[in-house]
């Protein structure tokens, strides 16, 4: 039997072409895979970065809105001097400042005399701040007929350094007529104590707090 070299050569040629095609395809895949992966990484990083920036912007925008809202709420307030004490306070329409007794003024809601904020000021002397803080807690406990221990509040006057308020401490008790909140802070060489008597719905709380921080 004769050995057919033509058939053998043809077979080798076909095998070589197939191998070459396979190599080209493999090289082609190797060339495109890193680009695709890099694009995927870039897209992922871009989404993550965009998301973080959006959240930060939203938080900053929210803080600005709160500050603007507080300023808008006090836009119509009138600076009013106390008749009995050495302070003045910005009073919103719908509220009246009166002298209750020596060393105490009250800021009443015109539409609800049971809702009011008592204001007391004393010179910042040694021991005055601590005494008013301790006494305030006793007053609040008495307001609840001794049934509740005052709850410490951590979100009152915590972001008003621009108002000159320092060392603010606040406590609260619930009573049958509504919550009673006591606040003591230092400002302009004074120790200020505010006692807020609100209704059960706390309709006046924000106004009292906004006005209280303007004591000067």
C-alpha atoms as a PDB file:
ATOM      1  CA  UNK A   1       0.000   0.000   0.000  1.00  0.00           C
ATOM      2  CA  UNK A   2       1.341   3.424  -1.045  1.00  0.00           C
ATOM      3  CA  UNK A   3       1.657   6.167   1.517  1.00  0.00           C
ATOM      4  CA  UNK A   4      -0.429   9.163   0.356  1.00  0.00           C
ATOM      5  CA  UNK A   5       1.683  12.272   1.184  1.00  0.00           C
ATOM      6  CA  UNK A   6      -0.929  14.571  -0.335  1.00  0.00           C
ATOM      7  CA  UNK A   7      -3.534  13.515   2.207  1.00  0.00           C
ATOM      8  CA  UNK A   8      -1.055  13.844   5.086  1.00  0.00           C
ATOM      9  CA  UNK A   9       0.043  17.324   4.019  1.00  0.00           C
ATOM     10  CA  UNK A  10      -3.558  18.426   3.666  1.00  0.00           C
ATOM     11  CA  UNK A  11      -4.305  17.144   7.185  1.00  0.00           C
ATOM     12  CA  UNK A  12      -1.339  18.999   8.690  1.00  0.00           C
ATOM     13  CA  UNK A  13      -2.397  22.218   6.946  1.00  0.00           C
ATOM     14  CA  UNK A  14      -5.939  21.964   8.313  1.00  0.00           C
ATOM     15  CA  UNK A  15      -4.707  21.270  11.834  1.00  0.00           C
ATOM     16  CA  UNK A  16      -2.362  24.273  11.658  1.00  0.00           C
ATOM     17  CA  UNK A  17      -5.176  26.587  10.539  1.00  0.00           C
ATOM     18  CA  UNK A  18      -7.456  25.397  13.344  1.00  0.00           C
ATOM     19  CA  UNK A  19      -4.726  25.924  15.915  1.00  0.00           C
ATOM     20  CA  UNK A  20      -4.052  29.409  14.566  1.00  0.00           C
ATOM     21  CA  UNK A  21      -7.725  30.321  14.714  1.00  0.00           C
ATOM     22  CA  UNK A  22      -7.934  29.076  18.289  1.00  0.00           C
ATOM     23  CA  UNK A  23      -4.938  31.192  19.274  1.00  0.00           C
ATOM     24  CA  UNK A  24      -6.422  34.293  17.652  1.00  0.00           C
ATOM     25  CA  UNK A  25      -9.722  33.801  19.479  1.00  0.00           C
ATOM     26  CA  UNK A  26      -7.914  33.315  22.798  1.00  0.00           C
ATOM     27  CA  UNK A  27      -5.824  36.447  22.216  1.00  0.00           C
ATOM     28  CA  UNK A  28      -8.912  38.341  21.250  1.00  0.00           C
ATOM     29  CA  UNK A  29     -10.630  37.315  24.507  1.00  0.00           C
ATOM     30  CA  UNK A  30      -7.548  38.196  26.529  1.00  0.00           C
ATOM     31  CA  UNK A  31      -7.475  41.610  24.931  1.00  0.00           C
ATOM     32  CA  UNK A  32     -11.116  42.480  25.654  1.00  0.00           C
ATOM     33  CA  UNK A  33     -11.539  41.043  29.155  1.00  0.00           C
ATOM     34  CA  UNK A  34      -9.408  43.598  31.055  1.00  0.00           C
ATOM     35  CA  UNK A  35     -11.159  46.487  29.281  1.00  0.00           C
ATOM     36  CA  UNK A  36     -14.569  45.122  30.200  1.00  0.00           C
ATOM     37  CA  UNK A  37     -13.507  44.536  33.794  1.00  0.00           C
ATOM     38  CA  UNK A  38     -12.018  48.027  34.016  1.00  0.00           C
ATOM     39  CA  UNK A  39     -15.226  49.522  32.668  1.00  0.00           C
ATOM     40  CA  UNK A  40     -17.272  47.514  35.196  1.00  0.00           C
ATOM     41  CA  UNK A  41     -15.028  48.684  38.049  1.00  0.00           C
ATOM     42  CA  UNK A  42     -15.260  52.282  36.877  1.00  0.00           C
ATOM     43  CA  UNK A  43     -19.035  52.070  36.678  1.00  0.00           C
ATOM     44  CA  UNK A  44     -19.224  50.533  40.159  1.00  0.00           C
ATOM     45  CA  UNK A  45     -16.910  53.130  41.649  1.00  0.00           C
ATOM     46  CA  UNK A  46     -18.795  55.875  39.918  1.00  0.00           C
ATOM     47  CA  UNK A  47     -22.089  54.687  41.367  1.00  0.00           C
ATOM     48  CA  UNK A  48     -20.635  54.407  44.853  1.00  0.00           C
ATOM     49  CA  UNK A  49     -19.051  57.857  44.698  1.00  0.00           C
ATOM     50  CA  UNK A  50     -22.178  59.424  43.325  1.00  0.00           C
ATOM     51  CA  UNK A  51     -24.269  57.793  46.048  1.00  0.00           C
ATOM     52  CA  UNK A  52     -22.000  59.064  48.810  1.00  0.00           C
ATOM     53  CA  UNK A  53     -21.989  62.579  47.411  1.00  0.00           C
ATOM     54  CA  UNK A  54     -25.745  62.573  47.147  1.00  0.00           C
ATOM     55  CA  UNK A  55     -26.196  61.488  50.766  1.00  0.00           C
ATOM     56  CA  UNK A  56     -23.791  64.152  52.044  1.00  0.00           C
ATOM     57  CA  UNK A  57     -25.489  66.805  50.004  1.00  0.00           C
ATOM     58  CA  UNK A  58     -28.885  65.757  51.287  1.00  0.00           C
ATOM     59  CA  UNK A  59     -27.754  65.880  54.916  1.00  0.00           C
ATOM     60  CA  UNK A  60     -26.183  69.315  54.487  1.00  0.00           C
ATOM     61  CA  UNK A  61     -29.293  70.533  52.708  1.00  0.00           C
ATOM     62  CA  UNK A  62     -31.472  69.241  55.547  1.00  0.00           C
ATOM     63  CA  UNK A  63     -29.402  71.112  58.156  1.00  0.00           C
ATOM     64  CA  UNK A  64     -29.624  74.302  56.123  1.00  0.00           C
ATOM     65  CA  UNK A  65     -33.379  73.896  55.796  1.00  0.00           C
ATOM     66  CA  UNK A  66     -33.730  73.486  59.584  1.00  0.00           C
ATOM     67  CA  UNK A  67     -31.678  76.623  60.205  1.00  0.00           C
ATOM     68  CA  UNK A  68     -33.655  78.591  57.621  1.00  0.00           C
ATOM     69  CA  UNK A  69     -36.949  77.355  59.054  1.00  0.00           C
ATOM     70  CA  UNK A  70     -35.966  78.438  62.574  1.00  0.00           C
ATOM     71  CA  UNK A  71     -34.973  81.868  61.272  1.00  0.00           C
ATOM     72  CA  UNK A  72     -38.249  82.193  59.368  1.00  0.00           C
ATOM     73  CA  UNK A  73     -40.237  81.258  62.461  1.00  0.00           C
ATOM     74  CA  UNK A  74     -38.658  84.142  64.410  1.00  0.00           C
ATOM     75  CA  UNK A  75     -38.846  86.685  61.600  1.00  0.00           C
ATOM     76  CA  UNK A  76     -41.803  88.525  63.185  1.00  0.00           C
ATOM     77  CA  UNK A  77     -40.526  88.428  66.781  1.00  0.00           C
ATOM     78  CA  UNK A  78     -40.105  91.715  68.666  1.00  0.00           C
ATOM     79  CA  UNK A  79     -37.304  92.315  71.167  1.00  0.00           C
ATOM     80  CA  UNK A  80     -39.020  92.992  74.503  1.00  0.00           C
ATOM     81  CA  UNK A  81     -37.417  94.077  77.781  1.00  0.00           C
ATOM     82  CA  UNK A  82     -38.414  92.589  81.113  1.00  0.00           C
ATOM     83  CA  UNK A  83     -39.997  94.990  83.617  1.00  0.00           C
ATOM     84  CA  UNK A  84     -38.516  93.142  86.604  1.00  0.00           C
ATOM     85  CA  UNK A  85     -35.251  91.555  85.442  1.00  0.00           C
ATOM     86  CA  UNK A  86     -32.164  92.615  83.539  1.00  0.00           C
ATOM     87  CA  UNK A  87     -32.865  90.797  80.293  1.00  0.00           C
ATOM     88  CA  UNK A  88     -34.675  91.135  76.994  1.00  0.00           C
ATOM     89  CA  UNK A  89     -36.204  88.439  74.805  1.00  0.00           C
ATOM     90  CA  UNK A  90     -37.589  88.240  71.287  1.00  0.00           C
ATOM     91  CA  UNK A  91     -41.339  87.655  71.594  1.00  0.00           C
ATOM     92  CA  UNK A  92     -43.402  86.149  68.790  1.00  0.00           C
ATOM     93  CA  UNK A  93     -46.869  87.450  67.887  1.00  0.00           C
ATOM     94  CA  UNK A  94     -49.496  85.604  69.940  1.00  0.00           C
ATOM     95  CA  UNK A  95     -47.406  85.647  73.126  1.00  0.00           C
ATOM     96  CA  UNK A  96     -47.173  88.157  75.996  1.00  0.00           C
ATOM     97  CA  UNK A  97     -44.307  88.717  78.432  1.00  0.00           C
ATOM     98  CA  UNK A  98     -45.366  89.668  81.971  1.00  0.00           C
ATOM     99  CA  UNK A  99     -43.623  90.017  85.336  1.00  0.00           C
ATOM    100  CA  UNK A 100     -44.870  87.225  87.574  1.00  0.00           C
ATOM    101  CA  UNK A 101     -42.912  88.131  90.725  1.00  0.00           C
ATOM    102  CA  UNK A 102     -39.438  89.469  91.582  1.00  0.00           C
ATOM    103  CA  UNK A 103     -36.912  87.369  89.695  1.00  0.00           C
ATOM    104  CA  UNK A 104     -39.530  85.612  87.556  1.00  0.00           C
ATOM    105  CA  UNK A 105     -41.209  86.537  84.301  1.00  0.00           C
ATOM    106  CA  UNK A 106     -43.702  84.488  82.309  1.00  0.00           C
ATOM    107  CA  UNK A 107     -44.262  84.350  78.586  1.00  0.00           C
ATOM    108  CA  UNK A 108     -47.883  83.324  77.989  1.00  0.00           C
ATOM    109  CA  UNK A 109     -49.606  82.007  74.896  1.00  0.00           C
ATOM    110  CA  UNK A 110     -52.459  84.449  74.272  1.00  0.00           C
ATOM    111  CA  UNK A 111     -54.845  81.700  73.166  1.00  0.00           C
ATOM    112  CA  UNK A 112     -54.047  79.394  76.106  1.00  0.00           C
ATOM    113  CA  UNK A 113     -52.934  80.949  79.422  1.00  0.00           C
ATOM    114  CA  UNK A 114     -52.141  77.480  80.760  1.00  0.00           C
ATOM    115  CA  UNK A 115     -49.303  77.248  78.238  1.00  0.00           C
ATOM    116  CA  UNK A 116     -46.423  79.464  79.317  1.00  0.00           C
ATOM    117  CA  UNK A 117     -42.677  79.675  79.830  1.00  0.00           C
ATOM    118  CA  UNK A 118     -41.274  80.938  83.110  1.00  0.00           C
ATOM    119  CA  UNK A 119     -37.996  82.860  82.772  1.00  0.00           C
ATOM    120  CA  UNK A 120     -35.492  83.356  85.595  1.00  0.00           C
ATOM    121  CA  UNK A 121     -32.058  84.966  85.317  1.00  0.00           C
ATOM    122  CA  UNK A 122     -29.240  85.357  87.804  1.00  0.00           C
ATOM    123  CA  UNK A 123     -25.654  86.612  87.536  1.00  0.00           C
ATOM    124  CA  UNK A 124     -23.162  83.882  86.690  1.00  0.00           C
ATOM    125  CA  UNK A 125     -21.590  83.445  90.121  1.00  0.00           C
ATOM    126  CA  UNK A 126     -19.986  80.448  91.782  1.00  0.00           C
ATOM    127  CA  UNK A 127     -22.542  77.804  92.675  1.00  0.00           C
ATOM    128  CA  UNK A 128     -25.500  79.474  90.938  1.00  0.00           C
ATOM    129  CA  UNK A 129     -25.525  77.153  87.922  1.00  0.00           C
ATOM    130  CA  UNK A 130     -25.332  73.941  89.963  1.00  0.00           C
ATOM    131  CA  UNK A 131     -27.983  75.148  92.384  1.00  0.00           C
ATOM    132  CA  UNK A 132     -30.443  75.993  89.599  1.00  0.00           C
ATOM    133  CA  UNK A 133     -29.879  72.637  87.868  1.00  0.00           C
ATOM    134  CA  UNK A 134     -30.487  70.689  91.091  1.00  0.00           C
ATOM    135  CA  UNK A 135     -33.453  72.824  92.092  1.00  0.00           C
ATOM    136  CA  UNK A 136     -34.972  72.519  88.622  1.00  0.00           C
ATOM    137  CA  UNK A 137     -35.099  68.742  88.941  1.00  0.00           C
ATOM    138  CA  UNK A 138     -36.873  69.059  92.281  1.00  0.00           C
ATOM    139  CA  UNK A 139     -39.385  71.472  90.738  1.00  0.00           C
ATOM    140  CA  UNK A 140     -40.101  69.058  87.887  1.00  0.00           C
ATOM    141  CA  UNK A 141     -40.514  66.132  90.234  1.00  0.00           C
ATOM    142  CA  UNK A 142     -42.971  68.170  92.304  1.00  0.00           C
ATOM    143  CA  UNK A 143     -44.877  69.047  89.115  1.00  0.00           C
ATOM    144  CA  UNK A 144     -45.564  65.333  88.629  1.00  0.00           C
ATOM    145  CA  UNK A 145     -46.655  65.003  92.285  1.00  0.00           C
ATOM    146  CA  UNK A 146     -43.470  63.117  92.975  1.00  0.00           C
ATOM    147  CA  UNK A 147     -44.527  60.272  90.705  1.00  0.00           C
ATOM    148  CA  UNK A 148     -41.819  60.681  88.064  1.00  0.00           C
ATOM    149  CA  UNK A 149     -38.101  61.209  87.980  1.00  0.00           C
ATOM    150  CA  UNK A 150     -37.191  63.912  85.457  1.00  0.00           C
ATOM    151  CA  UNK A 151     -35.988  62.560  82.115  1.00  0.00           C
ATOM    152  CA  UNK A 152     -32.762  64.096  80.843  1.00  0.00           C
ATOM    153  CA  UNK A 153     -33.010  65.544  77.324  1.00  0.00           C
ATOM    154  CA  UNK A 154     -29.979  65.541  75.036  1.00  0.00           C
ATOM    155  CA  UNK A 155     -31.362  67.435  72.045  1.00  0.00           C
ATOM    156  CA  UNK A 156     -32.170  70.856  73.547  1.00  0.00           C
ATOM    157  CA  UNK A 157     -29.917  73.787  72.634  1.00  0.00           C
ATOM    158  CA  UNK A 158     -27.128  71.486  71.473  1.00  0.00           C
ATOM    159  CA  UNK A 159     -26.508  73.303  68.183  1.00  0.00           C
ATOM    160  CA  UNK A 160     -26.891  76.975  69.135  1.00  0.00           C
ATOM    161  CA  UNK A 161     -23.315  77.945  69.920  1.00  0.00           C
ATOM    162  CA  UNK A 162     -23.780  80.908  67.591  1.00  0.00           C
ATOM    163  CA  UNK A 163     -26.419  82.194  70.033  1.00  0.00           C
ATOM    164  CA  UNK A 164     -23.887  82.334  72.864  1.00  0.00           C
ATOM    165  CA  UNK A 165     -25.552  79.529  74.836  1.00  0.00           C
ATOM    166  CA  UNK A 166     -23.230  77.292  76.875  1.00  0.00           C
ATOM    167  CA  UNK A 167     -23.628  74.339  79.245  1.00  0.00           C
ATOM    168  CA  UNK A 168     -27.311  73.770  78.485  1.00  0.00           C
ATOM    169  CA  UNK A 169     -28.999  71.070  80.568  1.00  0.00           C
ATOM    170  CA  UNK A 170     -32.619  70.070  80.095  1.00  0.00           C
ATOM    171  CA  UNK A 171     -35.044  67.720  81.856  1.00  0.00           C
ATOM    172  CA  UNK A 172     -38.687  66.828  81.338  1.00  0.00           C
ATOM    173  CA  UNK A 173     -41.612  65.200  83.134  1.00  0.00           C
ATOM    174  CA  UNK A 174     -45.110  64.342  81.946  1.00  0.00           C
ATOM    175  CA  UNK A 175     -48.098  65.590  83.919  1.00  0.00           C
ATOM    176  CA  UNK A 176     -51.854  65.251  83.505  1.00  0.00           C
ATOM    177  CA  UNK A 177     -52.097  68.631  81.787  1.00  0.00           C
ATOM    178  CA  UNK A 178     -49.023  68.164  79.602  1.00  0.00           C
ATOM    179  CA  UNK A 179     -45.224  67.966  79.708  1.00  0.00           C
ATOM    180  CA  UNK A 180     -43.146  70.311  81.858  1.00  0.00           C
ATOM    181  CA  UNK A 181     -39.600  70.988  80.655  1.00  0.00           C
ATOM    182  CA  UNK A 182     -36.817  72.678  82.589  1.00  0.00           C
ATOM    183  CA  UNK A 183     -33.687  74.140  80.966  1.00  0.00           C
ATOM    184  CA  UNK A 184     -30.648  75.831  82.515  1.00  0.00           C
ATOM    185  CA  UNK A 185     -27.859  77.444  80.494  1.00  0.00           C
ATOM    186  CA  UNK A 186     -25.201  80.151  80.607  1.00  0.00           C
ATOM    187  CA  UNK A 187     -25.293  83.185  78.332  1.00  0.00           C
ATOM    188  CA  UNK A 188     -23.846  86.705  78.377  1.00  0.00           C
ATOM    189  CA  UNK A 189     -22.715  86.503  82.014  1.00  0.00           C
ATOM    190  CA  UNK A 190     -26.118  85.195  83.135  1.00  0.00           C
ATOM    191  CA  UNK A 191     -27.475  81.878  84.290  1.00  0.00           C
ATOM    192  CA  UNK A 192     -30.867  81.430  82.648  1.00  0.00           C
ATOM    193  CA  UNK A 193     -33.525  78.977  83.782  1.00  0.00           C
ATOM    194  CA  UNK A 194     -36.545  78.306  81.594  1.00  0.00           C
ATOM    195  CA  UNK A 195     -39.535  76.251  82.712  1.00  0.00           C
ATOM    196  CA  UNK A 196     -41.926  75.321  79.908  1.00  0.00           C
ATOM    197  CA  UNK A 197     -45.528  74.347  80.685  1.00  0.00           C
ATOM    198  CA  UNK A 198     -47.060  72.937  77.513  1.00  0.00           C
ATOM    199  CA  UNK A 199     -50.312  71.178  76.630  1.00  0.00           C
ATOM    200  CA  UNK A 200     -50.530  67.452  75.933  1.00  0.00           C
ATOM    201  CA  UNK A 201     -50.041  68.001  72.189  1.00  0.00           C
ATOM    202  CA  UNK A 202     -46.911  70.122  72.793  1.00  0.00           C
ATOM    203  CA  UNK A 203     -48.240  72.791  70.445  1.00  0.00           C
ATOM    204  CA  UNK A 204     -46.132  75.563  71.943  1.00  0.00           C
ATOM    205  CA  UNK A 205     -42.858  73.755  72.565  1.00  0.00           C
ATOM    206  CA  UNK A 206     -41.027  74.910  69.426  1.00  0.00           C
ATOM    207  CA  UNK A 207     -42.077  78.543  69.892  1.00  0.00           C
ATOM    208  CA  UNK A 208     -40.994  78.546  73.530  1.00  0.00           C
ATOM    209  CA  UNK A 209     -37.609  77.029  72.643  1.00  0.00           C
ATOM    210  CA  UNK A 210     -37.051  79.449  69.755  1.00  0.00           C
ATOM    211  CA  UNK A 211     -37.881  82.435  71.945  1.00  0.00           C
ATOM    212  CA  UNK A 212     -35.995  81.113  74.965  1.00  0.00           C
ATOM    213  CA  UNK A 213     -32.669  80.995  73.127  1.00  0.00           C
ATOM    214  CA  UNK A 214     -32.908  84.745  72.392  1.00  0.00           C
ATOM    215  CA  UNK A 215     -32.714  85.806  76.069  1.00  0.00           C
ATOM    216  CA  UNK A 216     -30.018  88.507  76.289  1.00  0.00           C
END
